[in-house]
């Protein structure tokens, strides 16, 4: 399994899969190490998708990830592979996915679509091998306690002048901007 977007969601997914002994390859914006093994740069995706039976997308939607899975990358995926998108729909080129799925070469499980919401009569609704869910994966009994804990942590970090958790910079090409957009000092600008 290839997990594209190895942040909180991607790492939690790997933890859930651990008891099943799944071989996981991790991808994020940059090469790094995690407690479970190496995380590869998104630049390696063209090579990595070719070997994956399942590709799970859990990236934030940014200018850099918009249509990350375009016709070229989808064409490199293994025949019969399953694309699971729990990201925003625009991470995938919908027209290119339709071409790959309509012929049966790829299958897809989409928690997010582009456009979203998907209008009645859109071809994704009737494409064989495509499962669509209503982008409500976070709505579980533990949602409110998790949100409350996150808000408390964020407020404490903000008050202490620390960087906030889960910040997605508007332009991931320039991560140095992050330090200028969070924390109490940013609020005074």
Protein backbone atom coordinates (compact mmCIF):
# COMPACT_ATOMS: atom_id res chain seq x y z
CA UNK A 1 0.00 0.00 0.00
CA UNK A 2 1.22 3.45 -0.92
CA UNK A 3 0.14 6.26 1.43
CA UNK A 4 0.49 9.67 -0.22
CA UNK A 5 0.32 12.33 2.46
CA UNK A 6 2.09 11.01 5.54
CA UNK A 7 0.83 13.43 8.17
CA UNK A 8 -1.64 12.76 10.96
CA UNK A 9 -4.12 10.89 8.76
CA UNK A 10 -1.53 8.89 6.83
CA UNK A 11 0.35 7.81 9.93
CA UNK A 12 -2.91 6.92 11.75
CA UNK A 13 -3.92 4.80 8.76
CA UNK A 14 -0.63 2.93 8.91
CA UNK A 15 -1.14 2.32 12.61
CA UNK A 16 -4.60 0.84 11.92
CA UNK A 17 -3.11 -1.41 9.22
CA UNK A 18 -0.20 -2.67 11.37
CA UNK A 19 -2.03 -5.74 12.77
CA UNK A 20 -2.72 -6.91 9.21
CA UNK A 21 0.96 -6.92 8.24
CA UNK A 22 0.50 -4.64 5.23
CA UNK A 23 3.63 -3.51 3.45
CA UNK A 24 3.38 0.28 3.47
CA UNK A 25 5.32 2.82 1.43
CA UNK A 26 5.05 6.37 2.75
CA UNK A 27 5.12 9.59 0.69
CA UNK A 28 5.14 13.23 1.79
CA UNK A 29 6.39 16.50 0.38
CA UNK A 30 10.00 15.79 1.39
CA UNK A 31 12.18 12.77 2.23
CA UNK A 32 12.36 12.10 5.95
CA UNK A 33 12.33 9.29 8.50
CA UNK A 34 9.38 8.25 10.62
CA UNK A 35 9.16 5.86 13.55
CA UNK A 36 7.83 3.22 11.11
CA UNK A 37 10.40 3.75 8.37
CA UNK A 38 11.41 6.07 5.56
CA UNK A 39 9.06 8.62 4.06
CA UNK A 40 9.75 9.30 0.39
CA UNK A 41 9.49 12.60 -1.42
CA UNK A 42 6.50 13.20 -3.67
CA UNK A 43 9.05 13.51 -6.49
CA UNK A 44 9.36 9.69 -6.37
CA UNK A 45 5.65 9.10 -7.02
CA UNK A 46 6.05 8.17 -10.72
CA UNK A 47 8.21 5.20 -9.69
CA UNK A 48 6.30 4.28 -6.54
CA UNK A 49 2.76 4.15 -7.99
CA UNK A 50 3.78 1.50 -10.52
CA UNK A 51 4.22 -1.14 -7.81
CA UNK A 52 1.28 -0.32 -5.52
CA UNK A 53 -1.88 -2.43 -5.40
CA UNK A 54 -3.56 0.28 -3.31
CA UNK A 55 -2.80 4.02 -3.31
CA UNK A 56 -4.34 6.08 -0.51
CA UNK A 57 -4.37 9.87 -0.86
CA UNK A 58 -4.45 11.80 2.41
CA UNK A 59 -2.77 15.05 1.37
CA UNK A 60 -4.08 18.53 2.01
CA UNK A 61 -5.24 20.40 -1.08
CA UNK A 62 -2.64 23.04 -1.93
CA UNK A 63 -1.50 24.57 -5.21
CA UNK A 64 1.19 21.87 -5.29
CA UNK A 65 -1.21 18.95 -4.75
CA UNK A 66 -4.06 20.16 -6.97
CA UNK A 67 -4.48 17.42 -9.62
CA UNK A 68 -1.35 15.72 -8.29
CA UNK A 69 -2.86 12.50 -9.61
CA UNK A 70 -3.20 13.61 -13.21
CA UNK A 71 -3.47 11.54 -16.40
CA UNK A 72 0.27 10.80 -16.42
CA UNK A 73 0.45 9.56 -12.83
CA UNK A 74 -2.79 7.58 -13.09
CA UNK A 75 -1.47 5.93 -16.27
CA UNK A 76 1.62 4.77 -14.33
CA UNK A 77 -0.49 2.96 -11.75
CA UNK A 78 -0.56 -0.82 -11.83
CA UNK A 79 -3.41 -2.45 -13.77
CA UNK A 80 -6.23 -3.30 -11.35
CA UNK A 81 -4.94 -0.97 -8.63
CA UNK A 82 -7.31 0.75 -6.22
CA UNK A 83 -7.09 4.52 -5.70
CA UNK A 84 -8.55 5.62 -2.36
CA UNK A 85 -9.00 9.36 -1.99
CA UNK A 86 -9.70 10.67 1.51
CA UNK A 87 -8.25 14.05 0.50
CA UNK A 88 -10.09 16.81 -1.27
CA UNK A 89 -11.38 15.73 -4.66
CA UNK A 90 -9.22 18.17 -6.62
CA UNK A 91 -6.09 16.18 -5.71
CA UNK A 92 -7.22 13.86 -8.54
CA UNK A 93 -7.89 14.82 -12.17
CA UNK A 94 -11.49 13.60 -12.41
CA UNK A 95 -11.54 13.36 -16.21
CA UNK A 96 -8.35 11.30 -16.25
CA UNK A 97 -9.69 9.03 -13.48
CA UNK A 98 -12.91 8.50 -15.42
CA UNK A 99 -10.92 7.33 -18.46
CA UNK A 100 -8.87 4.88 -16.38
CA UNK A 101 -11.81 3.57 -14.35
CA UNK A 102 -14.34 3.39 -17.18
CA UNK A 103 -12.21 0.87 -19.03
CA UNK A 104 -11.76 -1.12 -15.82
CA UNK A 105 -8.00 -0.58 -15.57
CA UNK A 106 -8.25 1.21 -12.20
CA UNK A 107 -10.77 1.11 -9.37
CA UNK A 108 -11.48 3.98 -6.99
CA UNK A 109 -12.99 4.68 -3.58
CA UNK A 110 -13.61 8.40 -3.30
CA UNK A 111 -14.45 10.21 -0.07
CA UNK A 112 -13.80 13.46 -1.91
CA UNK A 113 -14.67 14.31 -5.51
CA UNK A 114 -14.13 17.18 -7.91
CA UNK A 115 -16.57 18.79 -8.21
CA UNK A 116 -17.82 18.50 -4.65
CA UNK A 117 -20.60 17.93 -4.06
CA UNK A 118 -20.87 15.69 -7.07
CA UNK A 119 -23.93 16.77 -9.07
CA UNK A 120 -26.66 14.31 -10.04
CA UNK A 121 -25.94 12.74 -13.41
CA UNK A 122 -22.14 13.09 -13.11
CA UNK A 123 -20.42 10.11 -14.80
CA UNK A 124 -18.59 9.13 -11.58
CA UNK A 125 -21.93 8.02 -10.10
CA UNK A 126 -22.31 5.25 -12.68
CA UNK A 127 -18.70 4.33 -13.48
CA UNK A 128 -18.09 0.63 -12.73
CA UNK A 129 -15.48 0.05 -10.04
CA UNK A 130 -15.99 3.47 -8.40
CA UNK A 131 -17.35 3.78 -4.85
CA UNK A 132 -18.31 7.26 -3.64
CA UNK A 133 -18.82 8.22 -0.01
CA UNK A 134 -20.15 11.59 1.22
CA UNK A 135 -16.85 12.96 2.62
CA UNK A 136 -17.86 12.40 6.23
CA UNK A 137 -15.03 10.12 7.33
CA UNK A 138 -14.28 12.26 10.39
CA UNK A 139 -17.82 12.00 11.77
CA UNK A 140 -17.34 9.33 14.41
CA UNK A 141 -18.28 9.24 18.11
CA UNK A 142 -14.76 10.40 18.95
CA UNK A 143 -14.95 13.54 16.75
CA UNK A 144 -16.01 16.04 19.42
CA UNK A 145 -13.53 14.91 22.10
CA UNK A 146 -10.72 15.01 19.47
CA UNK A 147 -11.77 18.49 18.31
CA UNK A 148 -11.94 19.76 21.89
CA UNK A 149 -8.47 18.39 22.64
CA UNK A 150 -7.07 19.95 19.45
CA UNK A 151 -8.60 23.34 20.23
CA UNK A 152 -7.18 23.27 23.75
CA UNK A 153 -3.71 22.38 22.40
CA UNK A 154 -3.92 25.07 19.73
CA UNK A 155 -4.96 27.75 22.25
CA UNK A 156 -2.12 26.76 24.58
CA UNK A 157 0.40 26.87 21.70
CA UNK A 158 -0.95 30.23 20.52
CA UNK A 159 -0.73 31.71 24.02
CA UNK A 160 2.84 30.41 24.41
CA UNK A 161 3.88 31.86 21.05
CA UNK A 162 4.52 28.40 19.62
CA UNK A 163 3.75 27.23 16.10
CA UNK A 164 0.28 25.77 15.69
CA UNK A 165 -0.34 22.14 14.74
CA UNK A 166 -1.67 21.09 11.35
CA UNK A 167 -0.93 24.36 9.56
CA UNK A 168 -1.01 24.05 5.79
CA UNK A 169 0.93 26.91 4.22
CA UNK A 170 -0.86 28.59 1.33
CA UNK A 171 2.11 27.87 -0.92
CA UNK A 172 4.00 24.70 -0.01
CA UNK A 173 6.80 25.76 -2.36
CA UNK A 174 7.75 28.30 0.34
CA UNK A 175 7.50 26.56 3.74
CA UNK A 176 9.60 29.31 5.33
CA UNK A 177 6.45 31.48 5.16
CA UNK A 178 4.89 29.26 7.81
CA UNK A 179 6.76 30.91 10.66
CA UNK A 180 5.38 34.27 9.52
CA UNK A 181 1.75 33.17 9.45
CA UNK A 182 1.19 31.52 12.82
CA UNK A 183 1.40 32.40 16.46
CA UNK A 184 0.60 35.57 18.42
CA UNK A 185 3.10 37.71 16.52
CA UNK A 186 1.22 37.04 13.26
CA UNK A 187 -2.01 38.24 14.85
CA UNK A 188 -0.36 41.61 15.63
CA UNK A 189 0.72 42.19 12.00
